[in-house]
Amino acid sequence: MGNLLDSLSGLVSLYPAWTYAIIGAGMVIQGEITIVIAMYLVAGNVLTWQQFFVATFVIYVIYENILYLASKAMRRTRFGWKLYRKYKSRKRVQLYTYFLKKNLAKLLVIAKFVPGMNFLVITLSGWSKTSFRAFLASYFLATSIWFIGISASAYFVVSGLQYLRAAKIFKQAEMVGIVAFIVFILAVEYFLRKLVQKRALEVVNKEKIPEEIIDEEEKGDFWEPRNRNGQTN
C-alpha cells in the first residue's frame, strides 16, 4: 500500500493533467476510499485543496446530476419502458420509490452511506419525475453532509499518521493506518447496509406500500408500443 501511494503521488506530480481523471474515476467507483487517498495527497503537499475539491466533490456532483438527468430522459424511451416493466414489481424499487415520495432528503442522506443504494436512489429520483429544483436542494444537503464528514475524518486520520511517520514513532504508520481506516469505513457501511435492510423489512411488514405510489408512474409518461390502429399494446 505504501509503494502504491508513493507511485500515485509521483504520477500526480509528473502528470497533473491526469489528476482529475484518475481521482474523478475513483469517486465514481468508490467515493469514500478515493477521498481518503486524495486527502493523503493533500497532506503530502502533492495535491492542493482546490485540486482536491474539484477532483472529488465537483466531479462527483456533475456525475450524479448527469445520472439523474439521464434517468429522467430514459423513462420516455422504448428501452426505459421495458426496463420499468421489468423492475417495477421488485420490493426494493417499490420501497425506495415510497420513501422518495415521503422524504427525499432523508433518503439521499442515508443512501450516501450505504453501498449500492445511492446509485439506485439517484436513478429513481430522475425516474419518478422529481423536479430538478427539489432534487438539487435535497441532493446538495445530503452530498455536503457525506463529503464533509468523510473528508474531515480522513484529514485528521492522515495528518495524525503523517506526524507519527515524521516523528519516527511508527515507520509504517501511513500504510497501516490508511488500510485500517479504509477497512473501518467499509465495516461501517456494511453495518449500515444491514441496518437499512432490517428497517426496510420492518416497514414492509408494518406498512402496506400504497398502490398509487407505483401506479402513478404509468400515467402517460412512458413510451408504449402501439398497433396499427394507434392503440397501446
Protein backbone atom coordinates (compact mmCIF):
# COMPACT_ATOMS: atom_id res chain seq x y z
CA MET A 1 0.00 0.00 0.00
CA GLY A 2 2.85 2.36 0.81
CA ASN A 3 4.51 1.81 -2.56
CA LEU A 4 1.15 2.24 -4.27
CA LEU A 5 0.54 5.59 -2.56
CA ASP A 6 4.07 6.75 -3.39
CA SER A 7 3.55 5.72 -7.02
CA LEU A 8 0.27 7.63 -7.13
CA SER A 9 1.96 10.70 -5.65
CA GLY A 10 4.67 10.51 -8.30
CA LEU A 11 2.09 10.08 -11.07
CA VAL A 12 0.12 13.13 -9.92
CA SER A 13 3.32 15.18 -9.70
CA LEU A 14 4.53 14.17 -13.17
CA TYR A 15 1.15 14.32 -14.94
CA PRO A 16 -1.03 16.89 -13.12
CA ALA A 17 -3.45 16.94 -16.06
CA TRP A 18 -4.41 13.33 -15.25
CA THR A 19 -5.18 14.16 -11.61
CA TYR A 20 -8.83 14.99 -12.22
CA ALA A 21 -9.37 11.97 -14.46
CA ILE A 22 -7.79 9.50 -12.01
CA ILE A 23 -9.43 10.84 -8.84
CA GLY A 24 -12.72 11.55 -10.62
CA ALA A 25 -12.90 7.94 -11.86
CA GLY A 26 -12.18 6.79 -8.32
CA MET A 27 -15.05 8.91 -6.98
CA VAL A 28 -17.46 7.24 -9.39
CA ILE A 29 -16.27 3.76 -8.37
CA GLN A 30 -15.81 4.19 -4.60
CA GLY A 31 -16.06 7.69 -3.22
CA GLU A 32 -15.01 7.14 0.39
CA ILE A 33 -11.77 5.31 -0.39
CA THR A 34 -10.90 7.85 -3.08
CA ILE A 35 -11.41 10.75 -0.65
CA VAL A 36 -9.05 9.09 1.84
CA ILE A 37 -6.35 8.61 -0.81
CA ALA A 38 -6.84 12.13 -2.19
CA MET A 39 -6.54 13.52 1.33
CA TYR A 40 -3.22 11.66 1.67
CA LEU A 41 -2.03 13.55 -1.41
CA VAL A 42 -3.20 16.85 0.11
CA ALA A 43 -1.42 16.16 3.41
CA GLY A 44 1.73 15.33 1.44
CA ASN A 45 1.51 18.65 -0.48
CA VAL A 46 1.14 16.75 -3.74
CA LEU A 47 -2.41 17.99 -4.27
CA THR A 48 -3.73 21.46 -3.50
CA TRP A 49 -7.01 21.99 -1.66
CA GLN A 50 -8.53 23.44 -4.82
CA GLN A 51 -7.50 20.41 -6.86
CA PHE A 52 -8.85 18.13 -4.14
CA PHE A 53 -12.24 19.88 -4.10
CA VAL A 54 -12.60 19.90 -7.89
CA ALA A 55 -11.37 16.32 -8.39
CA THR A 56 -13.63 14.91 -5.67
CA PHE A 57 -16.70 17.00 -4.90
CA VAL A 58 -17.23 18.86 -8.19
CA ILE A 59 -16.68 15.86 -10.47
CA TYR A 60 -18.80 13.66 -8.22
CA VAL A 61 -21.70 16.16 -8.26
CA ILE A 62 -21.50 16.50 -12.04
CA TYR A 63 -21.54 12.71 -12.49
CA GLU A 64 -24.57 12.16 -10.26
CA ASN A 65 -26.54 15.03 -11.79
CA ILE A 66 -25.90 13.57 -15.24
CA LEU A 67 -27.13 10.23 -13.88
CA TYR A 68 -30.31 11.92 -12.60
CA LEU A 69 -30.97 13.72 -15.91
CA ALA A 70 -30.22 10.60 -17.97
CA SER A 71 -32.65 8.58 -15.85
CA LYS A 72 -35.30 11.24 -16.26
CA ALA A 73 -34.85 11.26 -20.04
CA MET A 74 -34.60 7.49 -20.41
CA ARG A 75 -38.00 6.78 -18.89
CA ARG A 76 -39.65 8.16 -22.05
CA THR A 77 -37.76 5.81 -24.36
CA ARG A 78 -38.64 2.32 -25.55
CA PHE A 79 -35.75 0.87 -23.56
CA GLY A 80 -36.84 2.76 -20.45
CA TRP A 81 -40.40 1.49 -20.78
CA LYS A 82 -39.23 -2.12 -20.97
CA LEU A 83 -36.87 -1.61 -18.05
CA TYR A 84 -39.65 -0.15 -15.95
CA ARG A 85 -41.97 -3.07 -16.71
CA LYS A 86 -39.25 -5.47 -15.69
CA TYR A 87 -38.27 -3.92 -12.35
CA LYS A 88 -41.37 -2.07 -11.09
CA SER A 89 -42.65 -5.08 -9.12
CA ARG A 90 -39.42 -5.55 -7.15
CA LYS A 91 -39.77 -4.78 -3.46
CA ARG A 92 -36.59 -2.68 -3.26
CA VAL A 93 -37.68 -0.44 -6.14
CA GLN A 94 -41.16 -0.02 -4.64
CA LEU A 95 -39.74 0.67 -1.19
CA TYR A 96 -37.25 3.32 -2.36
CA THR A 97 -39.93 4.95 -4.50
CA TYR A 98 -42.24 5.07 -1.50
CA PHE A 99 -39.64 6.72 0.77
CA LEU A 100 -38.55 9.00 -2.06
CA LYS A 101 -42.06 10.41 -2.17
CA LYS A 102 -42.18 10.80 1.63
CA ASN A 103 -38.76 12.32 2.38
CA LEU A 104 -36.27 12.68 -0.46
CA ALA A 105 -33.61 14.49 1.60
CA LYS A 106 -33.55 11.85 4.35
CA LEU A 107 -33.39 9.02 1.81
CA LEU A 108 -30.49 10.66 -0.05
CA VAL A 109 -28.52 11.17 3.18
CA ILE A 110 -28.94 7.50 4.14
CA ALA A 111 -28.14 6.35 0.60
CA LYS A 112 -24.78 8.15 0.62
CA PHE A 113 -23.54 5.87 3.39
CA VAL A 114 -24.99 2.59 2.10
CA PRO A 115 -23.13 0.78 -0.75
CA GLY A 116 -25.27 0.17 -3.81
CA MET A 117 -28.21 2.20 -2.52
CA ASN A 118 -27.00 5.61 -3.70
CA PHE A 119 -26.96 4.70 -7.41
CA LEU A 120 -30.48 3.31 -7.26
CA VAL A 121 -31.89 6.27 -5.33
CA ILE A 122 -30.34 8.82 -7.72
CA THR A 123 -31.72 6.85 -10.68
CA LEU A 124 -35.19 6.61 -9.15
CA SER A 125 -35.15 10.33 -8.36
CA GLY A 126 -34.93 11.07 -12.07
CA TRP A 127 -37.19 8.18 -12.99
CA SER A 128 -40.02 9.28 -10.69
CA LYS A 129 -40.27 12.79 -12.14
CA THR A 130 -38.80 14.51 -9.08
CA SER A 131 -38.43 18.17 -10.02
CA PHE A 132 -34.86 19.30 -10.64
CA ARG A 133 -35.15 22.06 -8.03
CA ALA A 134 -36.39 19.66 -5.33
CA PHE A 135 -33.73 17.12 -6.26
CA LEU A 136 -30.91 19.67 -6.16
CA ALA A 137 -31.95 21.05 -2.75
CA SER A 138 -32.05 17.59 -1.17
CA TYR A 139 -29.07 16.32 -3.12
CA PHE A 140 -26.69 19.12 -2.12
CA LEU A 141 -27.72 18.77 1.52
CA ALA A 142 -27.07 15.01 1.50
CA THR A 143 -23.85 15.22 -0.51
CA SER A 144 -22.44 18.03 1.65
CA ILE A 145 -23.09 16.08 4.87
CA TRP A 146 -21.44 12.98 3.39
CA PHE A 147 -18.50 14.81 1.80
CA ILE A 148 -17.66 16.99 4.80
CA GLY A 149 -17.96 14.06 7.20
CA ILE A 150 -15.69 11.74 5.20
CA SER A 151 -13.18 14.48 4.27
CA ALA A 152 -12.84 15.77 7.84
CA SER A 153 -12.36 12.25 9.21
CA ALA A 154 -9.82 11.42 6.50
CA TYR A 155 -7.88 14.66 7.11
CA PHE A 156 -7.47 14.09 10.85
CA VAL A 157 -6.50 10.44 10.39
CA VAL A 158 -4.00 11.10 7.59
CA SER A 159 -2.47 14.12 9.37
CA GLY A 160 -2.00 12.06 12.53
CA LEU A 161 -0.42 9.22 10.61
CA GLN A 162 1.98 11.54 8.82
CA TYR A 163 3.03 13.02 12.17
CA LEU A 164 3.77 9.53 13.52
CA ARG A 165 5.85 8.79 10.45
CA ALA A 166 7.73 12.11 10.57
CA ALA A 167 8.46 11.66 14.28
CA LYS A 168 9.72 8.14 13.51
CA ILE A 169 7.35 6.73 16.09
CA PHE A 170 5.99 4.23 13.63
CA LYS A 171 7.67 3.89 10.22
CA GLN A 172 4.73 2.14 8.57
CA ALA A 173 2.13 4.40 10.19
CA GLU A 174 0.66 5.69 6.93
CA MET A 175 0.35 2.31 5.25
CA VAL A 176 -1.14 0.50 8.25
CA GLY A 177 -3.29 3.44 9.36
CA ILE A 178 -4.83 4.15 5.96
CA VAL A 179 -5.59 0.47 5.37
CA ALA A 180 -7.17 0.25 8.85
CA PHE A 181 -9.22 3.41 8.22
CA ILE A 182 -10.48 2.10 4.87
CA VAL A 183 -11.43 -1.23 6.47
CA PHE A 184 -13.23 0.71 9.21
CA ILE A 185 -15.22 2.71 6.62
CA LEU A 186 -16.20 -0.46 4.75
CA ALA A 187 -17.21 -2.14 8.02
CA VAL A 188 -19.41 0.83 8.99
CA GLU A 189 -21.03 0.83 5.54
CA TYR A 190 -21.69 -2.91 5.82
CA PHE A 191 -23.29 -2.39 9.23
CA LEU A 192 -25.44 0.46 7.88
CA ARG A 193 -26.50 -1.67 4.94
CA LYS A 194 -27.69 -4.42 7.28
CA LEU A 195 -29.44 -1.85 9.47
CA VAL A 196 -31.25 -0.30 6.49
CA GLN A 197 -32.26 -3.73 5.20
CA LYS A 198 -33.65 -4.63 8.62
CA ARG A 199 -35.56 -1.36 8.82
CA ALA A 200 -36.87 -1.85 5.28
CA LEU A 201 -38.23 -5.29 6.20
CA GLU A 202 -39.97 -3.78 9.22
CA VAL A 203 -41.59 -1.18 7.01
CA VAL A 204 -42.71 -3.81 4.51
CA ASN A 205 -44.25 -5.88 7.30
CA LYS A 206 -45.93 -2.96 9.10
CA GLU A 207 -46.89 -0.65 6.26
CA LYS A 208 -48.53 -1.57 3.01
CA ILE A 209 -46.93 0.47 0.24
CA PRO A 210 -49.81 2.34 -1.45
CA GLU A 211 -50.58 1.08 -4.94
CA GLU A 212 -50.82 4.65 -6.25
CA ILE A 213 -47.14 5.28 -5.41
CA ILE A 214 -46.19 2.82 -8.13
CA ASP A 215 -49.18 3.12 -10.45
CA GLU A 216 -48.93 6.92 -10.82
CA GLU A 217 -45.64 6.44 -12.65
CA GLU A 218 -47.56 4.91 -15.58
CA LYS A 219 -49.88 7.83 -16.30
CA GLY A 220 -48.99 8.55 -19.90
CA ASP A 221 -45.28 9.21 -19.39
CA PHE A 222 -43.77 6.04 -20.80
CA TRP A 223 -43.23 5.08 -24.37
CA GLU A 224 -45.61 2.25 -25.16
CA PRO A 225 -45.67 0.18 -28.37
CA ARG A 226 -48.74 0.91 -30.45
CA ASN A 227 -50.55 -1.21 -33.00
CA ARG A 228 -51.66 -0.03 -36.43
CA ASN A 229 -54.88 1.44 -35.00
CA GLY A 230 -52.86 3.68 -32.69
CA GLN A 231 -53.81 1.77 -29.56
CA THR A 232 -51.28 0.73 -26.95
CA ASN A 233 -50.43 -2.96 -26.67
